[in-house]
Amino acid sequence: MRKFGVVGTVALILGIYSTSRMRADEFKHPHPHMLHALYELREAHKELKESKIDFGGHKEDAMRDIHSAAEQIEIALKEDGGIVIPKDFSKGVNYKKYAHHPHLHEALHELKEAHKELKEAKHDFHGHREEALKAVHKAMEQVEILIKASK
């Protein structure tokens, strides 16, 4: 077993603590918008599941496409080295600026940014980039429809 000594152990503990306490906009990751999109998609899915509104008949399709986009982003992130979402990831996000369905609105914003990250990445996430791009695009369309239907 490797010995770190007191200084090494303290540095390790502080490193773990500081990562778990970072605000979303401070979290260092090669694909921060993909990571944030994954978080917001999961939250938006919960938001939709709990909603009594059917959004003009689009709720089920949107839930399916949101779930699919989350799966594809998760696969791409895993292929790129893993996923670590801090517990307080949403701490830096102002959800109060949205009157209704804040995670849908934030998911739409992050999906657009994640789409750019996927397109501009120097690698193809072990062959998963195209599927992720398609899923993200479909989810963006569905979330736009839901936001329009909720007004």
C-alpha atoms as a PDB file:
ATOM      1  CA  MET A   1       0.000   0.000   0.000  1.00  0.00           C
ATOM      2  CA  ARG A   2       1.291   3.443  -0.904  1.00  0.00           C
ATOM      3  CA  LYS A   3       1.900   5.986   1.858  1.00  0.00           C
ATOM      4  CA  PHE A   4       1.006   9.622   1.189  1.00  0.00           C
ATOM      5  CA  GLY A   5       2.119  11.105   4.476  1.00  0.00           C
ATOM      6  CA  VAL A   6       0.211  13.822   6.300  1.00  0.00           C
ATOM      7  CA  VAL A   7       0.638  16.481   3.582  1.00  0.00           C
ATOM      8  CA  GLY A   8      -0.418  14.118   0.801  1.00  0.00           C
ATOM      9  CA  THR A   9      -3.447  12.881   2.728  1.00  0.00           C
ATOM     10  CA  VAL A  10      -4.570  16.434   3.551  1.00  0.00           C
ATOM     11  CA  ALA A  11      -4.105  17.473  -0.112  1.00  0.00           C
ATOM     12  CA  LEU A  12      -6.158  14.479  -1.267  1.00  0.00           C
ATOM     13  CA  ILE A  13      -8.966  15.231   1.199  1.00  0.00           C
ATOM     14  CA  LEU A  14      -8.999  18.927   0.280  1.00  0.00           C
ATOM     15  CA  GLY A  15      -9.044  18.039  -3.417  1.00  0.00           C
ATOM     16  CA  ILE A  16     -12.041  15.756  -2.983  1.00  0.00           C
ATOM     17  CA  TYR A  17     -13.827  18.321  -0.785  1.00  0.00           C
ATOM     18  CA  SER A  18     -13.190  21.246  -3.125  1.00  0.00           C
ATOM     19  CA  THR A  19     -14.434  19.306  -6.171  1.00  0.00           C
ATOM     20  CA  SER A  20     -17.667  18.450  -4.381  1.00  0.00           C
ATOM     21  CA  ARG A  21     -18.149  22.104  -3.350  1.00  0.00           C
ATOM     22  CA  MET A  22     -17.571  23.745  -6.756  1.00  0.00           C
ATOM     23  CA  ARG A  23     -20.305  25.762  -8.398  1.00  0.00           C
ATOM     24  CA  ALA A  24     -21.423  24.518 -11.795  1.00  0.00           C
ATOM     25  CA  ASP A  25     -19.648  27.336 -13.628  1.00  0.00           C
ATOM     26  CA  GLU A  26     -16.380  26.562 -11.821  1.00  0.00           C
ATOM     27  CA  PHE A  27     -16.355  22.813 -12.470  1.00  0.00           C
ATOM     28  CA  LYS A  28     -13.463  21.886 -14.731  1.00  0.00           C
ATOM     29  CA  HIS A  29     -14.326  19.247 -17.303  1.00  0.00           C
ATOM     30  CA  PRO A  30     -13.359  18.821 -20.965  1.00  0.00           C
ATOM     31  CA  HIS A  31     -17.051  18.963 -21.958  1.00  0.00           C
ATOM     32  CA  PRO A  32     -18.822  21.094 -19.320  1.00  0.00           C
ATOM     33  CA  HIS A  33     -21.970  21.708 -21.375  1.00  0.00           C
ATOM     34  CA  MET A  34     -22.444  18.028 -22.103  1.00  0.00           C
ATOM     35  CA  LEU A  35     -22.098  17.369 -18.392  1.00  0.00           C
ATOM     36  CA  HIS A  36     -24.527  20.155 -17.504  1.00  0.00           C
ATOM     37  CA  ALA A  37     -26.942  19.031 -20.225  1.00  0.00           C
ATOM     38  CA  LEU A  38     -26.934  15.522 -18.772  1.00  0.00           C
ATOM     39  CA  TYR A  39     -27.780  16.913 -15.342  1.00  0.00           C
ATOM     40  CA  GLU A  40     -30.545  19.183 -16.698  1.00  0.00           C
ATOM     41  CA  LEU A  41     -32.013  16.434 -18.886  1.00  0.00           C
ATOM     42  CA  ARG A  42     -32.309  14.160 -15.876  1.00  0.00           C
ATOM     43  CA  GLU A  43     -33.970  16.948 -13.897  1.00  0.00           C
ATOM     44  CA  ALA A  44     -36.236  17.914 -16.825  1.00  0.00           C
ATOM     45  CA  HIS A  45     -37.322  14.283 -17.155  1.00  0.00           C
ATOM     46  CA  LYS A  46     -38.314  14.275 -13.460  1.00  0.00           C
ATOM     47  CA  GLU A  47     -40.059  17.622 -13.925  1.00  0.00           C
ATOM     48  CA  LEU A  48     -42.106  16.243 -16.835  1.00  0.00           C
ATOM     49  CA  LYS A  49     -42.913  12.984 -15.072  1.00  0.00           C
ATOM     50  CA  GLU A  50     -44.335  14.909 -12.112  1.00  0.00           C
ATOM     51  CA  SER A  51     -46.222  17.423 -14.274  1.00  0.00           C
ATOM     52  CA  LYS A  52     -49.977  17.037 -14.684  1.00  0.00           C
ATOM     53  CA  ILE A  53     -49.829  18.917 -18.011  1.00  0.00           C
ATOM     54  CA  ASP A  54     -49.578  16.856 -21.207  1.00  0.00           C
ATOM     55  CA  PHE A  55     -48.202  19.795 -23.233  1.00  0.00           C
ATOM     56  CA  GLY A  56     -50.646  19.467 -26.101  1.00  0.00           C
ATOM     57  CA  GLY A  57     -50.045  15.743 -26.416  1.00  0.00           C
ATOM     58  CA  HIS A  58     -46.243  16.079 -26.666  1.00  0.00           C
ATOM     59  CA  LYS A  59     -45.274  14.978 -23.164  1.00  0.00           C
ATOM     60  CA  GLU A  60     -44.643  11.287 -23.881  1.00  0.00           C
ATOM     61  CA  ASP A  61     -42.583  11.922 -27.034  1.00  0.00           C
ATOM     62  CA  ALA A  62     -40.564  14.564 -25.219  1.00  0.00           C
ATOM     63  CA  MET A  63     -39.895  12.271 -22.265  1.00  0.00           C
ATOM     64  CA  ARG A  64     -38.702   9.559 -24.641  1.00  0.00           C
ATOM     65  CA  ASP A  65     -36.396  11.916 -26.556  1.00  0.00           C
ATOM     66  CA  ILE A  66     -35.067  13.568 -23.397  1.00  0.00           C
ATOM     67  CA  HIS A  67     -34.271  10.140 -21.971  1.00  0.00           C
ATOM     68  CA  SER A  68     -32.574   9.104 -25.222  1.00  0.00           C
ATOM     69  CA  ALA A  69     -30.451  12.277 -25.333  1.00  0.00           C
ATOM     70  CA  ALA A  70     -29.407  11.757 -21.700  1.00  0.00           C
ATOM     71  CA  GLU A  71     -28.407   8.171 -22.501  1.00  0.00           C
ATOM     72  CA  GLN A  72     -26.372   9.201 -25.552  1.00  0.00           C
ATOM     73  CA  ILE A  73     -24.612  12.035 -23.739  1.00  0.00           C
ATOM     74  CA  GLU A  74     -23.848   9.688 -20.863  1.00  0.00           C
ATOM     75  CA  ILE A  75     -22.369   7.120 -23.252  1.00  0.00           C
ATOM     76  CA  ALA A  76     -20.230   9.771 -24.968  1.00  0.00           C
ATOM     77  CA  LEU A  77     -18.982  11.113 -21.633  1.00  0.00           C
ATOM     78  CA  LYS A  78     -18.153   7.613 -20.400  1.00  0.00           C
ATOM     79  CA  GLU A  79     -16.227   6.936 -23.615  1.00  0.00           C
ATOM     80  CA  ASP A  80     -14.320  10.155 -22.994  1.00  0.00           C
ATOM     81  CA  GLY A  81     -13.137   9.111 -19.575  1.00  0.00           C
ATOM     82  CA  GLY A  82     -16.036   9.189 -17.189  1.00  0.00           C
ATOM     83  CA  ILE A  83     -18.738  11.233 -15.547  1.00  0.00           C
ATOM     84  CA  VAL A  84     -18.505  13.080 -12.267  1.00  0.00           C
ATOM     85  CA  ILE A  85     -21.420  15.347 -11.427  1.00  0.00           C
ATOM     86  CA  PRO A  86     -20.880  17.295  -8.203  1.00  0.00           C
ATOM     87  CA  LYS A  87     -23.773  17.162  -5.755  1.00  0.00           C
ATOM     88  CA  ASP A  88     -24.269  20.915  -5.951  1.00  0.00           C
ATOM     89  CA  PHE A  89     -23.940  21.150  -9.744  1.00  0.00           C
ATOM     90  CA  SER A  90     -26.949  23.435 -10.110  1.00  0.00           C
ATOM     91  CA  LYS A  91     -25.793  25.853  -7.412  1.00  0.00           C
ATOM     92  CA  GLY A  92     -24.668  28.505  -9.926  1.00  0.00           C
ATOM     93  CA  VAL A  93     -27.852  28.351 -12.052  1.00  0.00           C
ATOM     94  CA  ASN A  94     -30.604  30.948 -11.565  1.00  0.00           C
ATOM     95  CA  TYR A  95     -33.747  28.849 -12.020  1.00  0.00           C
ATOM     96  CA  LYS A  96     -35.926  31.676 -10.692  1.00  0.00           C
ATOM     97  CA  LYS A  97     -35.613  33.495 -14.013  1.00  0.00           C
ATOM     98  CA  TYR A  98     -38.039  30.940 -15.477  1.00  0.00           C
ATOM     99  CA  ALA A  99     -41.701  31.215 -14.498  1.00  0.00           C
ATOM    100  CA  HIS A 100     -42.439  27.541 -15.213  1.00  0.00           C
ATOM    101  CA  HIS A 101     -40.480  24.360 -15.925  1.00  0.00           C
ATOM    102  CA  PRO A 102     -36.998  25.733 -15.136  1.00  0.00           C
ATOM    103  CA  HIS A 103     -35.187  22.500 -15.949  1.00  0.00           C
ATOM    104  CA  LEU A 104     -36.769  22.341 -19.406  1.00  0.00           C
ATOM    105  CA  HIS A 105     -35.547  25.872 -20.134  1.00  0.00           C
ATOM    106  CA  GLU A 106     -32.084  25.217 -18.756  1.00  0.00           C
ATOM    107  CA  ALA A 107     -31.929  21.858 -20.561  1.00  0.00           C
ATOM    108  CA  LEU A 108     -32.679  23.586 -23.867  1.00  0.00           C
ATOM    109  CA  HIS A 109     -29.872  26.072 -23.302  1.00  0.00           C
ATOM    110  CA  GLU A 110     -27.400  23.344 -22.332  1.00  0.00           C
ATOM    111  CA  LEU A 111     -28.492  21.050 -25.173  1.00  0.00           C
ATOM    112  CA  LYS A 112     -27.589  23.792 -27.660  1.00  0.00           C
ATOM    113  CA  GLU A 113     -24.198  24.219 -26.023  1.00  0.00           C
ATOM    114  CA  ALA A 114     -23.648  20.450 -25.772  1.00  0.00           C
ATOM    115  CA  HIS A 115     -24.470  20.134 -29.482  1.00  0.00           C
ATOM    116  CA  LYS A 116     -21.671  22.623 -30.225  1.00  0.00           C
ATOM    117  CA  GLU A 117     -19.263  20.728 -27.962  1.00  0.00           C
ATOM    118  CA  LEU A 118     -20.051  17.441 -29.677  1.00  0.00           C
ATOM    119  CA  LYS A 119     -19.578  18.937 -33.157  1.00  0.00           C
ATOM    120  CA  GLU A 120     -16.343  20.710 -32.250  1.00  0.00           C
ATOM    121  CA  ALA A 121     -14.739  17.857 -30.299  1.00  0.00           C
ATOM    122  CA  LYS A 122     -11.474  16.582 -31.740  1.00  0.00           C
ATOM    123  CA  HIS A 123     -12.554  12.950 -31.379  1.00  0.00           C
ATOM    124  CA  ASP A 124     -15.736  10.985 -32.037  1.00  0.00           C
ATOM    125  CA  PHE A 125     -16.280   9.520 -28.556  1.00  0.00           C
ATOM    126  CA  HIS A 126     -15.401   6.027 -29.790  1.00  0.00           C
ATOM    127  CA  GLY A 127     -18.003   6.172 -32.544  1.00  0.00           C
ATOM    128  CA  HIS A 128     -20.813   7.628 -30.428  1.00  0.00           C
ATOM    129  CA  ARG A 129     -20.710  11.244 -31.605  1.00  0.00           C
ATOM    130  CA  GLU A 130     -23.254  10.899 -34.455  1.00  0.00           C
ATOM    131  CA  GLU A 131     -25.844   9.099 -32.331  1.00  0.00           C
ATOM    132  CA  ALA A 132     -25.389  11.665 -29.563  1.00  0.00           C
ATOM    133  CA  LEU A 133     -25.774  14.550 -32.032  1.00  0.00           C
ATOM    134  CA  LYS A 134     -28.998  13.061 -33.421  1.00  0.00           C
ATOM    135  CA  ALA A 135     -30.432  12.427 -29.958  1.00  0.00           C
ATOM    136  CA  VAL A 136     -29.490  15.908 -28.742  1.00  0.00           C
ATOM    137  CA  HIS A 137     -31.085  17.496 -31.813  1.00  0.00           C
ATOM    138  CA  LYS A 138     -34.343  15.550 -31.336  1.00  0.00           C
ATOM    139  CA  ALA A 139     -34.430  16.472 -27.649  1.00  0.00           C
ATOM    140  CA  MET A 140     -33.895  20.161 -28.495  1.00  0.00           C
ATOM    141  CA  GLU A 141     -36.842  20.046 -30.892  1.00  0.00           C
ATOM    142  CA  GLN A 142     -39.078  18.352 -28.319  1.00  0.00           C
ATOM    143  CA  VAL A 143     -38.121  20.719 -25.504  1.00  0.00           C
ATOM    144  CA  GLU A 144     -38.818  23.722 -27.773  1.00  0.00           C
ATOM    145  CA  ILE A 145     -42.267  22.268 -28.534  1.00  0.00           C
ATOM    146  CA  LEU A 146     -42.958  21.748 -24.814  1.00  0.00           C
ATOM    147  CA  ILE A 147     -41.910  25.271 -23.901  1.00  0.00           C
ATOM    148  CA  LYS A 148     -44.148  26.724 -26.623  1.00  0.00           C
ATOM    149  CA  ALA A 149     -47.054  24.481 -25.559  1.00  0.00           C
ATOM    150  CA  SER A 150     -46.718  25.513 -21.923  1.00  0.00           C
ATOM    151  CA  LYS A 151     -47.238  29.239 -22.655  1.00  0.00           C
END
